[in-house]
């Protein structure tokens, strides 16, 4: 049975990739596919889990209630 693992890593300065997968064992046969993602979309990251998405929606709703805004005069800082 094919099983997949996904891991985001950063390329070292010499172009090498180091992947630490403790769930693999010595002698396991694997196939490696490298997908290049030039920049991660911040919105995609923020919505990557249901908990994050729910929190973001709640915070956006708070922005609609302008009476809760705290105004600060930059001259007093």
Protein backbone atom coordinates (compact mmCIF):
# COMPACT_ATOMS: atom_id res chain seq x y z
CA UNK A 1 0.00 0.00 0.00
CA UNK A 2 1.33 3.46 -0.89
CA UNK A 3 1.54 5.90 1.98
CA UNK A 4 2.42 9.58 1.66
CA UNK A 5 4.23 11.96 3.95
CA UNK A 6 4.40 15.70 3.41
CA UNK A 7 7.15 17.82 4.87
CA UNK A 8 8.03 21.46 4.17
CA UNK A 9 11.75 22.18 4.30
CA UNK A 10 14.13 24.96 3.32
CA UNK A 11 16.96 24.41 0.86
CA UNK A 12 20.43 24.91 2.40
CA UNK A 13 22.81 27.49 0.96
CA UNK A 14 24.59 24.81 -1.06
CA UNK A 15 21.34 23.54 -2.59
CA UNK A 16 21.10 20.46 -0.38
CA UNK A 17 17.89 19.27 1.23
CA UNK A 18 17.83 17.69 4.66
CA UNK A 19 14.70 15.75 5.54
CA UNK A 20 14.15 14.29 8.98
CA UNK A 21 11.39 11.68 9.00
CA UNK A 22 11.55 9.65 12.23
CA UNK A 23 8.56 7.60 11.08
CA UNK A 24 10.78 5.96 8.44
CA UNK A 25 13.12 3.10 9.23
CA UNK A 26 16.54 2.09 7.93
CA UNK A 27 16.14 0.15 4.71
CA UNK A 28 12.68 1.57 3.85
CA UNK A 29 12.34 2.15 0.11
CA UNK A 30 10.96 5.60 -0.71
CA UNK A 31 10.39 7.80 -3.72
CA UNK A 32 11.16 11.50 -3.35
CA UNK A 33 9.32 14.19 -5.33
CA UNK A 34 10.42 17.81 -4.95
CA UNK A 35 7.77 20.48 -5.62
CA UNK A 36 9.13 24.00 -5.77
CA UNK A 37 6.94 26.60 -4.12
CA UNK A 38 8.59 30.02 -4.61
CA UNK A 39 6.56 31.70 -1.87
CA UNK A 40 3.90 30.35 0.38
CA UNK A 41 0.65 32.23 0.13
CA UNK A 42 0.01 33.65 3.60
CA UNK A 43 -3.75 33.38 3.20
CA UNK A 44 -3.42 29.73 2.25
CA UNK A 45 -1.31 29.13 5.35
CA UNK A 46 -3.74 30.97 7.62
CA UNK A 47 -6.63 28.91 6.29
CA UNK A 48 -4.68 25.62 6.32
CA UNK A 49 -6.52 24.25 9.37
CA UNK A 50 -10.14 24.60 10.39
CA UNK A 51 -9.09 26.07 13.76
CA UNK A 52 -7.04 28.80 12.04
CA UNK A 53 -9.85 29.53 9.58
CA UNK A 54 -12.43 29.79 12.39
CA UNK A 55 -10.18 32.12 14.41
CA UNK A 56 -9.57 34.32 11.36
CA UNK A 57 -13.31 34.56 10.63
CA UNK A 58 -13.98 35.57 14.24
CA UNK A 59 -11.34 38.29 14.12
CA UNK A 60 -12.71 39.67 10.84
CA UNK A 61 -16.18 39.88 12.45
CA UNK A 62 -14.67 41.93 15.29
CA UNK A 63 -13.40 44.45 12.75
CA UNK A 64 -16.98 45.19 11.73
CA UNK A 65 -17.76 46.51 15.24
CA UNK A 66 -16.06 49.91 15.12
CA UNK A 67 -17.22 50.82 18.62
CA UNK A 68 -14.59 48.38 19.95
CA UNK A 69 -11.74 50.14 18.15
CA UNK A 70 -9.05 51.69 20.32
CA UNK A 71 -7.79 54.92 18.81
CA UNK A 72 -4.27 56.07 19.63
CA UNK A 73 -2.77 59.46 18.89
CA UNK A 74 0.73 58.78 17.53
CA UNK A 75 1.89 62.10 18.98
CA UNK A 76 1.30 60.76 22.50
CA UNK A 77 3.41 57.65 22.04
